[in-house]
Amino acid sequence: GAARADREPAASRARPGFRGLGPAQSLSMLRLEGMAMTDANEALVREACEAYGRGDVARMLDFVDPDLEWAYLNPAFEDPEPETCHGREQLRWALERQAERGLASQVEEVVVNGDQVMAVIRTAGIDSGRVRQADDRNYLVLTLDEGRIVRMRACRNREESRSVAALA
């Protein structure tokens, strides 16, 4: 009853699935839950990037929130500041233009920090269409929420992307 609920620790009330577990067991369960989320976020980003790499823009966009906020680096400048766009449809237009060039992409690296995911994508020949040379790589930091990419930020290099994603 109500008297029993008052005696239970707040943590037990907040996470009913962990009721009856001691603090060490609860911490282990939280770590497992976090690992599962990390694995799911990594798998989601890999699948989205691999779809893009195959030129399957529609499949890639299945992973993107309709209200996506995304920042890109203008290829016309040597040291561009991120320019922000909004919406999945603007991203679709940009990705379809990229696909029309016939360039294939490969995921080289995915590192997850909670809802922040750093992805390194190599697209042979991409540097030919931009002033800023990056060894044919794009460095992205994606923010995920409830299984969708809600934010995407292009970075100049691995160091910047690791910093944006708060990776050590």
N, C-alpha and C. Protein backbone atom coordinates (compact mmCIF):
# COMPACT_ATOMS: atom_id res chain seq x y z
N GLY A 1 0.81 -1.19 0.00
CA GLY A 1 0.00 0.00 0.00
C GLY A 1 0.84 1.24 0.00
N ALA A 2 0.22 2.36 0.36
CA ALA A 2 0.89 3.66 0.36
C ALA A 2 2.01 3.70 1.37
N ALA A 3 1.82 3.08 2.53
CA ALA A 3 2.87 3.09 3.56
C ALA A 3 4.11 2.37 3.06
N ARG A 4 3.95 1.26 2.31
CA ARG A 4 5.09 0.52 1.79
C ARG A 4 5.83 1.33 0.73
N ALA A 5 5.12 2.02 -0.15
CA ALA A 5 5.75 2.83 -1.19
C ALA A 5 6.61 3.93 -0.58
N ASP A 6 6.17 4.46 0.58
CA ASP A 6 6.96 5.52 1.22
C ASP A 6 8.29 5.00 1.74
N ARG A 7 8.37 3.70 2.06
CA ARG A 7 9.61 3.14 2.60
C ARG A 7 10.57 2.69 1.51
N GLU A 8 10.09 2.50 0.27
CA GLU A 8 10.96 2.04 -0.82
C GLU A 8 11.89 3.17 -1.25
N PRO A 9 13.15 2.84 -1.60
CA PRO A 9 14.05 3.87 -2.11
C PRO A 9 13.49 4.49 -3.40
N ALA A 10 13.77 5.75 -3.59
CA ALA A 10 13.26 6.47 -4.78
C ALA A 10 13.69 5.78 -6.06
N ALA A 11 14.92 5.27 -6.11
CA ALA A 11 15.42 4.62 -7.33
C ALA A 11 14.57 3.42 -7.70
N SER A 12 14.10 2.66 -6.70
CA SER A 12 13.26 1.49 -6.98
C SER A 12 11.93 1.93 -7.57
N ARG A 13 11.37 3.03 -7.04
CA ARG A 13 10.09 3.52 -7.57
C ARG A 13 10.27 4.05 -8.99
N ALA A 14 11.41 4.70 -9.28
CA ALA A 14 11.62 5.33 -10.58
C ALA A 14 11.83 4.28 -11.68
N ARG A 15 12.40 3.11 -11.34
CA ARG A 15 12.70 2.09 -12.34
C ARG A 15 12.07 0.77 -11.90
N PRO A 16 10.76 0.61 -12.14
CA PRO A 16 10.07 -0.56 -11.64
C PRO A 16 10.69 -1.89 -12.08
N GLY A 17 11.34 -1.94 -13.21
CA GLY A 17 11.96 -3.17 -13.68
C GLY A 17 13.10 -3.62 -12.80
N PHE A 18 13.66 -2.75 -11.96
CA PHE A 18 14.80 -3.07 -11.11
C PHE A 18 14.39 -3.26 -9.65
N ARG A 19 13.09 -3.29 -9.35
CA ARG A 19 12.60 -3.44 -7.97
C ARG A 19 13.17 -4.71 -7.36
N GLY A 20 13.66 -4.59 -6.14
CA GLY A 20 14.18 -5.75 -5.44
C GLY A 20 15.66 -6.00 -5.69
N LEU A 21 16.28 -5.27 -6.61
CA LEU A 21 17.70 -5.44 -6.86
C LEU A 21 18.50 -4.51 -5.96
N GLY A 22 19.67 -4.97 -5.54
CA GLY A 22 20.55 -4.11 -4.76
C GLY A 22 21.21 -3.08 -5.65
N PRO A 23 21.89 -2.09 -5.06
CA PRO A 23 22.52 -1.02 -5.84
C PRO A 23 23.50 -1.53 -6.89
N ALA A 24 24.34 -2.52 -6.57
CA ALA A 24 25.32 -3.03 -7.54
C ALA A 24 24.61 -3.72 -8.69
N GLN A 25 23.55 -4.50 -8.39
CA GLN A 25 22.81 -5.17 -9.44
C GLN A 25 22.08 -4.16 -10.32
N SER A 26 21.52 -3.12 -9.71
CA SER A 26 20.83 -2.09 -10.48
C SER A 26 21.81 -1.40 -11.42
N LEU A 27 23.02 -1.10 -10.93
CA LEU A 27 24.03 -0.45 -11.75
C LEU A 27 24.41 -1.35 -12.92
N SER A 28 24.54 -2.66 -12.67
CA SER A 28 24.85 -3.59 -13.76
C SER A 28 23.75 -3.60 -14.80
N MET A 29 22.50 -3.58 -14.37
CA MET A 29 21.38 -3.56 -15.31
C MET A 29 21.40 -2.28 -16.14
N LEU A 30 21.70 -1.15 -15.49
CA LEU A 30 21.77 0.12 -16.23
C LEU A 30 22.89 0.08 -17.26
N ARG A 31 24.04 -0.52 -16.90
CA ARG A 31 25.15 -0.63 -17.86
C ARG A 31 24.73 -1.49 -19.05
N LEU A 32 24.07 -2.61 -18.79
CA LEU A 32 23.61 -3.47 -19.88
C LEU A 32 22.62 -2.74 -20.77
N GLU A 33 21.71 -2.00 -20.14
CA GLU A 33 20.73 -1.21 -20.90
C GLU A 33 21.46 -0.20 -21.78
N GLY A 34 22.48 0.47 -21.23
CA GLY A 34 23.27 1.45 -21.98
C GLY A 34 24.03 0.81 -23.12
N MET A 35 24.59 -0.40 -22.89
CA MET A 35 25.31 -1.10 -23.95
C MET A 35 24.36 -1.47 -25.07
N ALA A 36 23.16 -1.90 -24.71
CA ALA A 36 22.18 -2.27 -25.74
C ALA A 36 21.82 -1.04 -26.58
N MET A 37 21.65 0.13 -25.92
CA MET A 37 21.34 1.35 -26.66
C MET A 37 22.50 1.72 -27.58
N THR A 38 23.73 1.60 -27.06
CA THR A 38 24.92 1.92 -27.86
C THR A 38 24.97 1.02 -29.10
N ASP A 39 24.76 -0.29 -28.90
CA ASP A 39 24.78 -1.22 -30.03
C ASP A 39 23.68 -0.89 -31.03
N ALA A 40 22.48 -0.56 -30.53
CA ALA A 40 21.36 -0.23 -31.42
C ALA A 40 21.67 1.05 -32.20
N ASN A 41 22.25 2.05 -31.53
CA ASN A 41 22.58 3.30 -32.22
C ASN A 41 23.65 3.07 -33.27
N GLU A 42 24.65 2.25 -32.96
CA GLU A 42 25.69 1.95 -33.94
C GLU A 42 25.10 1.22 -35.14
N ALA A 43 24.26 0.22 -34.89
CA ALA A 43 23.64 -0.54 -35.97
C ALA A 43 22.78 0.36 -36.86
N LEU A 44 22.02 1.25 -36.24
CA LEU A 44 21.16 2.17 -37.00
C LEU A 44 22.00 3.06 -37.91
N VAL A 45 23.05 3.65 -37.36
CA VAL A 45 23.89 4.56 -38.16
C VAL A 45 24.60 3.78 -39.27
N ARG A 46 25.12 2.61 -38.96
CA ARG A 46 25.78 1.80 -40.00
C ARG A 46 24.81 1.46 -41.13
N GLU A 47 23.61 1.05 -40.76
CA GLU A 47 22.63 0.68 -41.79
C GLU A 47 22.25 1.89 -42.65
N ALA A 48 22.04 3.05 -42.01
CA ALA A 48 21.70 4.26 -42.75
C ALA A 48 22.84 4.65 -43.69
N CYS A 49 24.07 4.62 -43.19
CA CYS A 49 25.24 5.01 -44.00
C CYS A 49 25.48 4.01 -45.14
N GLU A 50 25.28 2.73 -44.86
CA GLU A 50 25.47 1.72 -45.90
C GLU A 50 24.43 1.88 -47.00
N ALA A 51 23.19 2.21 -46.63
CA ALA A 51 22.15 2.46 -47.63
C ALA A 51 22.56 3.64 -48.51
N TYR A 52 23.04 4.71 -47.88
CA TYR A 52 23.52 5.88 -48.63
C TYR A 52 24.66 5.48 -49.55
N GLY A 53 25.58 4.65 -49.03
CA GLY A 53 26.72 4.21 -49.83
C GLY A 53 26.32 3.43 -51.07
N ARG A 54 25.20 2.71 -50.99
CA ARG A 54 24.68 1.95 -52.14
C ARG A 54 23.88 2.85 -53.08
N GLY A 55 23.70 4.10 -52.70
CA GLY A 55 22.88 5.00 -53.51
C GLY A 55 21.40 4.88 -53.22
N ASP A 56 21.03 4.18 -52.14
CA ASP A 56 19.63 3.99 -51.76
C ASP A 56 19.21 5.12 -50.81
N VAL A 57 19.01 6.31 -51.39
CA VAL A 57 18.68 7.50 -50.61
C VAL A 57 17.37 7.30 -49.85
N ALA A 58 16.38 6.69 -50.48
CA ALA A 58 15.08 6.48 -49.83
C ALA A 58 15.24 5.65 -48.56
N ARG A 59 16.02 4.57 -48.62
CA ARG A 59 16.23 3.73 -47.43
C ARG A 59 16.99 4.50 -46.36
N MET A 60 17.98 5.27 -46.75
CA MET A 60 18.74 6.05 -45.78
C MET A 60 17.82 7.01 -45.06
N LEU A 61 16.91 7.64 -45.79
CA LEU A 61 16.01 8.63 -45.20
C LEU A 61 14.97 7.99 -44.27
N ASP A 62 14.76 6.67 -44.36
CA ASP A 62 13.88 5.99 -43.41
C ASP A 62 14.36 6.16 -41.98
N PHE A 63 15.66 6.40 -41.79
CA PHE A 63 16.25 6.53 -40.46
C PHE A 63 16.28 7.98 -39.97
N VAL A 64 15.81 8.90 -40.81
CA VAL A 64 15.93 10.33 -40.53
C VAL A 64 14.58 10.92 -40.11
N ASP A 65 14.60 11.68 -39.02
CA ASP A 65 13.41 12.37 -38.54
C ASP A 65 12.98 13.42 -39.57
N PRO A 66 11.67 13.57 -39.82
CA PRO A 66 11.20 14.57 -40.79
C PRO A 66 11.66 16.00 -40.47
N ASP A 67 11.86 16.29 -39.17
CA ASP A 67 12.26 17.63 -38.75
C ASP A 67 13.76 17.74 -38.51
N LEU A 68 14.53 16.91 -39.19
CA LEU A 68 15.99 16.90 -39.05
C LEU A 68 16.58 18.31 -39.12
N GLU A 69 17.54 18.56 -38.23
CA GLU A 69 18.37 19.77 -38.33
C GLU A 69 19.75 19.28 -38.76
N TRP A 70 20.24 19.79 -39.88
CA TRP A 70 21.54 19.32 -40.35
C TRP A 70 22.42 20.47 -40.81
N ALA A 71 23.69 20.31 -40.52
CA ALA A 71 24.67 21.34 -40.87
C ALA A 71 25.70 20.71 -41.79
N TYR A 72 25.97 21.40 -42.88
CA TYR A 72 26.94 20.90 -43.85
C TYR A 72 28.05 21.92 -44.02
N LEU A 73 29.14 21.48 -44.61
CA LEU A 73 30.26 22.37 -44.92
C LEU A 73 30.22 22.66 -46.41
N ASN A 74 30.04 23.92 -46.77
CA ASN A 74 29.92 24.31 -48.17
C ASN A 74 31.19 23.93 -48.92
N PRO A 75 31.06 23.10 -49.97
CA PRO A 75 32.25 22.62 -50.69
C PRO A 75 32.99 23.71 -51.48
N ALA A 76 32.38 24.90 -51.59
CA ALA A 76 33.00 25.97 -52.36
C ALA A 76 34.07 26.74 -51.58
N PHE A 77 34.20 26.45 -50.27
CA PHE A 77 35.13 27.20 -49.43
C PHE A 77 36.21 26.30 -48.84
N GLU A 78 37.40 26.87 -48.67
CA GLU A 78 38.53 26.16 -48.08
C GLU A 78 38.29 25.83 -46.61
N ASP A 79 37.76 26.80 -45.85
CA ASP A 79 37.54 26.61 -44.41
C ASP A 79 36.12 27.09 -44.06
N PRO A 80 35.11 26.33 -44.50
CA PRO A 80 33.73 26.78 -44.31
C PRO A 80 33.25 26.63 -42.87
N GLU A 81 32.35 27.51 -42.49
CA GLU A 81 31.61 27.35 -41.24
C GLU A 81 30.39 26.49 -41.56
N PRO A 82 29.94 25.69 -40.61
CA PRO A 82 28.74 24.87 -40.87
C PRO A 82 27.54 25.75 -41.22
N GLU A 83 26.82 25.35 -42.24
CA GLU A 83 25.59 26.02 -42.65
C GLU A 83 24.44 25.09 -42.30
N THR A 84 23.41 25.63 -41.64
CA THR A 84 22.33 24.81 -41.13
C THR A 84 21.14 24.78 -42.08
N CYS A 85 20.61 23.57 -42.27
CA CYS A 85 19.40 23.35 -43.05
C CYS A 85 18.42 22.59 -42.16
N HIS A 86 17.17 22.56 -42.61
CA HIS A 86 16.13 21.90 -41.81
C HIS A 86 15.30 21.00 -42.70
N GLY A 87 14.99 19.84 -42.18
CA GLY A 87 14.04 18.95 -42.83
C GLY A 87 14.67 17.86 -43.67
N ARG A 88 13.99 16.75 -43.66
CA ARG A 88 14.43 15.58 -44.42
C ARG A 88 14.39 15.83 -45.92
N GLU A 89 13.46 16.65 -46.38
CA GLU A 89 13.35 16.87 -47.83
C GLU A 89 14.55 17.63 -48.39
N GLN A 90 15.07 18.61 -47.63
CA GLN A 90 16.28 19.31 -48.08
C GLN A 90 17.45 18.34 -48.14
N LEU A 91 17.53 17.45 -47.16
CA LEU A 91 18.60 16.44 -47.16
C LEU A 91 18.44 15.51 -48.35
N ARG A 92 17.20 15.10 -48.63
CA ARG A 92 16.95 14.22 -49.79
C ARG A 92 17.49 14.87 -51.07
N TRP A 93 17.19 16.13 -51.27
CA TRP A 93 17.64 16.84 -52.46
C TRP A 93 19.18 16.81 -52.55
N ALA A 94 19.85 17.11 -51.44
CA ALA A 94 21.32 17.13 -51.43
C ALA A 94 21.90 15.74 -51.69
N LEU A 95 21.32 14.72 -51.07
CA LEU A 95 21.84 13.36 -51.24
C LEU A 95 21.59 12.84 -52.66
N GLU A 96 20.47 13.20 -53.23
CA GLU A 96 20.19 12.77 -54.62
C GLU A 96 21.16 13.43 -55.59
N ARG A 97 21.51 14.68 -55.36
CA ARG A 97 22.52 15.34 -56.20
C ARG A 97 23.85 14.60 -56.10
N GLN A 98 24.21 14.21 -54.88
CA GLN A 98 25.44 13.46 -54.66
C GLN A 98 25.39 12.12 -55.39
N ALA A 99 24.26 11.42 -55.29
CA ALA A 99 24.10 10.11 -55.92
C ALA A 99 24.20 10.21 -57.45
N GLU A 100 23.72 11.32 -58.00
CA GLU A 100 23.78 11.53 -59.45
C GLU A 100 25.21 11.58 -59.96
N ARG A 101 26.15 11.94 -59.09
CA ARG A 101 27.57 11.98 -59.48
C ARG A 101 28.16 10.58 -59.58
N GLY A 102 27.42 9.57 -59.11
CA GLY A 102 27.87 8.19 -59.22
C GLY A 102 28.98 7.80 -58.25
N LEU A 103 29.11 8.53 -57.16
CA LEU A 103 30.16 8.23 -56.19
C LEU A 103 29.65 7.23 -55.16
N ALA A 104 30.46 6.22 -54.86
CA ALA A 104 30.08 5.22 -53.86
C ALA A 104 30.79 5.51 -52.55
N SER A 105 30.07 5.33 -51.45
CA SER A 105 30.61 5.61 -50.12
C SER A 105 30.75 4.33 -49.32
N GLN A 106 31.72 4.36 -48.40
CA GLN A 106 31.93 3.25 -47.48
C GLN A 106 32.06 3.80 -46.07
N VAL A 107 31.44 3.13 -45.11
CA VAL A 107 31.58 3.50 -43.70
C VAL A 107 32.94 2.99 -43.24
N GLU A 108 33.78 3.90 -42.74
CA GLU A 108 35.09 3.49 -42.23
C GLU A 108 35.10 3.34 -40.71
N GLU A 109 34.30 4.15 -40.03
CA GLU A 109 34.35 4.15 -38.57
C GLU A 109 33.04 4.68 -38.02
N VAL A 110 32.57 4.04 -36.95
CA VAL A 110 31.40 4.50 -36.22
C VAL A 110 31.74 4.40 -34.73
N VAL A 111 31.63 5.51 -34.01
CA VAL A 111 31.90 5.53 -32.58
C VAL A 111 30.69 6.16 -31.89
N VAL A 112 30.17 5.47 -30.87
CA VAL A 112 28.95 5.90 -30.20
C VAL A 112 29.26 6.42 -28.81
N ASN A 113 28.64 7.56 -28.48
CA ASN A 113 28.67 8.10 -27.12
C ASN A 113 27.23 8.46 -26.76
N GLY A 114 26.49 7.49 -26.24
CA GLY A 114 25.08 7.72 -25.91
C GLY A 114 24.28 7.99 -27.16
N ASP A 115 23.66 9.17 -27.23
CA ASP A 115 22.86 9.51 -28.41
C ASP A 115 23.68 10.23 -29.48
N GLN A 116 24.97 10.45 -29.22
CA GLN A 116 25.87 11.08 -30.19
C GLN A 116 26.68 9.99 -30.91
N VAL A 117 26.69 10.03 -32.24
CA VAL A 117 27.40 9.02 -33.01
C VAL A 117 28.29 9.71 -34.03
N MET A 118 29.59 9.39 -33.96
CA MET A 118 30.53 9.90 -34.96
C MET A 118 30.65 8.86 -36.07
N ALA A 119 30.55 9.30 -37.30
CA ALA A 119 30.70 8.40 -38.45
C ALA A 119 31.72 9.00 -39.41
N VAL A 120 32.63 8.16 -39.86
CA VAL A 120 33.60 8.56 -40.88
C VAL A 120 33.23 7.79 -42.15
N ILE A 121 32.96 8.55 -43.21
CA ILE A 121 32.51 7.98 -44.48
C ILE A 121 33.54 8.34 -45.55
N ARG A 122 34.03 7.33 -46.28
CA ARG A 122 34.96 7.59 -47.38
C ARG A 122 34.21 7.44 -48.69
N THR A 123 34.32 8.48 -49.50
CA THR A 123 33.66 8.50 -50.81
C THR A 123 34.73 8.84 -51.85
N ALA A 124 35.24 7.82 -52.50
CA ALA A 124 36.31 8.03 -53.49
C ALA A 124 35.86 9.04 -54.54
N GLY A 125 36.66 10.09 -54.73
CA GLY A 125 36.37 11.11 -55.74
C GLY A 125 35.63 12.33 -55.23
N ILE A 126 35.19 12.32 -53.98
CA ILE A 126 34.39 13.45 -53.49
C ILE A 126 35.20 14.74 -53.41
N ASP A 127 36.49 14.63 -53.13
CA ASP A 127 37.33 15.83 -53.03
C ASP A 127 37.40 16.59 -54.35
N SER A 128 37.16 15.92 -55.46
CA SER A 128 37.23 16.61 -56.77
C SER A 128 36.15 17.67 -56.89
N GLY A 129 35.10 17.59 -56.06
CA GLY A 129 34.02 18.56 -56.13
C GLY A 129 34.02 19.57 -55.01
N ARG A 130 35.13 19.66 -54.27
CA ARG A 130 35.18 20.62 -53.18
C ARG A 130 36.58 21.22 -53.05
N VAL A 131 36.59 22.46 -52.59
CA VAL A 131 37.86 23.18 -52.40
C VAL A 131 38.63 22.57 -51.23
N ARG A 132 37.93 22.36 -50.13
CA ARG A 132 38.55 21.79 -48.93
C ARG A 132 38.82 20.31 -49.17
N GLN A 133 40.06 19.92 -49.12
CA GLN A 133 40.43 18.53 -49.34
C GLN A 133 40.43 17.79 -48.00
N ALA A 134 39.86 16.58 -47.98
CA ALA A 134 39.75 15.81 -46.74
C ALA A 134 40.00 14.33 -47.01
N ASP A 135 40.90 14.04 -47.93
CA ASP A 135 41.26 12.66 -48.25
C ASP A 135 40.01 11.83 -48.58
N ASP A 136 39.07 12.46 -49.32
CA ASP A 136 37.83 11.81 -49.76
C ASP A 136 36.95 11.32 -48.60
N ARG A 137 37.04 12.00 -47.46
CA ARG A 137 36.26 11.58 -46.29
C ARG A 137 35.31 12.68 -45.84
N ASN A 138 34.19 12.23 -45.28
CA ASN A 138 33.27 13.10 -44.57
C ASN A 138 33.22 12.62 -43.13
N TYR A 139 33.23 13.58 -42.23
CA TYR A 139 33.17 13.30 -40.80
C TYR A 139 31.86 13.87 -40.28
N LEU A 140 31.01 13.00 -39.77
CA LEU A 140 29.68 13.41 -39.33
C LEU A 140 29.47 13.09 -37.86
N VAL A 141 28.71 13.94 -37.19
CA VAL A 141 28.21 13.63 -35.86
C VAL A 141 26.70 13.64 -35.97
N LEU A 142 26.11 12.51 -35.63
CA LEU A 142 24.67 12.33 -35.71
C LEU A 142 24.11 12.25 -34.29
N THR A 143 22.97 12.87 -34.08
CA THR A 143 22.28 12.78 -32.80
C THR A 143 21.03 11.95 -33.04
N LEU A 144 20.85 10.93 -32.20
CA LEU A 144 19.72 10.04 -32.33
C LEU A 144 18.73 10.25 -31.19
N ASP A 145 17.47 10.07 -31.51
CA ASP A 145 16.41 10.14 -30.51
C ASP A 145 15.32 9.16 -30.92
N GLU A 146 15.04 8.21 -30.05
CA GLU A 146 13.98 7.23 -30.30
C GLU A 146 14.14 6.54 -31.66
N GLY A 147 15.37 6.14 -31.97
CA GLY A 147 15.62 5.38 -33.19
C GLY A 147 15.62 6.18 -34.48
N ARG A 148 15.73 7.48 -34.37
CA ARG A 148 15.77 8.34 -35.56
C ARG A 148 16.94 9.31 -35.47
N ILE A 149 17.49 9.65 -36.61
CA ILE A 149 18.53 10.68 -36.67
C ILE A 149 17.81 12.03 -36.65
N VAL A 150 18.03 12.82 -35.60
CA VAL A 150 17.33 14.10 -35.45
C VAL A 150 18.26 15.29 -35.75
N ARG A 151 19.58 15.06 -35.67
CA ARG A 151 20.54 16.11 -35.98
C ARG A 151 21.74 15.48 -36.67
N MET A 152 22.29 16.21 -37.61
CA MET A 152 23.47 15.75 -38.33
C MET A 152 24.39 16.95 -38.54
N ARG A 153 25.63 16.79 -38.16
CA ARG A 153 26.58 17.89 -38.32
C ARG A 153 27.82 17.40 -39.03
N ALA A 154 28.17 18.05 -40.12
CA ALA A 154 29.42 17.75 -40.82
C ALA A 154 30.56 18.46 -40.09
N CYS A 155 31.68 17.77 -39.96
CA CYS A 155 32.87 18.32 -39.32
C CYS A 155 34.03 18.29 -40.31
N ARG A 156 35.04 19.11 -40.04
CA ARG A 156 36.19 19.22 -40.95
C ARG A 156 37.10 18.01 -40.92
N ASN A 157 37.21 17.36 -39.75
CA ASN A 157 38.16 16.26 -39.62
C ASN A 157 37.75 15.39 -38.42
N ARG A 158 38.52 14.31 -38.21
CA ARG A 158 38.23 13.37 -37.13
C ARG A 158 38.29 14.06 -35.77
N GLU A 159 39.29 14.90 -35.56
CA GLU A 159 39.44 15.56 -34.26
C GLU A 159 38.22 16.42 -33.93
N GLU A 160 37.77 17.21 -34.90
CA GLU A 160 36.59 18.05 -34.67
C GLU A 160 35.36 17.18 -34.40
N SER A 161 35.19 16.11 -35.16
CA SER A 161 34.01 15.27 -34.97
C SER A 161 34.06 14.57 -33.61
N ARG A 162 35.22 14.15 -33.16
CA ARG A 162 35.35 13.53 -31.83
C ARG A 162 35.00 14.55 -30.76
N SER A 163 35.41 15.79 -30.94
CA SER A 163 35.10 16.84 -29.96
C SER A 163 33.60 17.13 -29.92
N VAL A 164 32.97 17.26 -31.08
CA VAL A 164 31.53 17.54 -31.15
C VAL A 164 30.74 16.41 -30.51
N ALA A 165 31.19 15.17 -30.71
CA ALA A 165 30.49 14.00 -30.15
C ALA A 165 30.89 13.73 -28.70
N ALA A 166 31.75 14.58 -28.14
CA ALA A 166 32.22 14.45 -26.75
C ALA A 166 32.89 13.10 -26.50
N LEU A 167 33.72 12.68 -27.45
CA LEU A 167 34.49 11.45 -27.31
C LEU A 167 35.87 11.79 -26.78
N ALA A 168 36.40 10.92 -25.94
CA ALA A 168 37.72 11.19 -25.33
C ALA A 168 38.82 11.12 -26.37
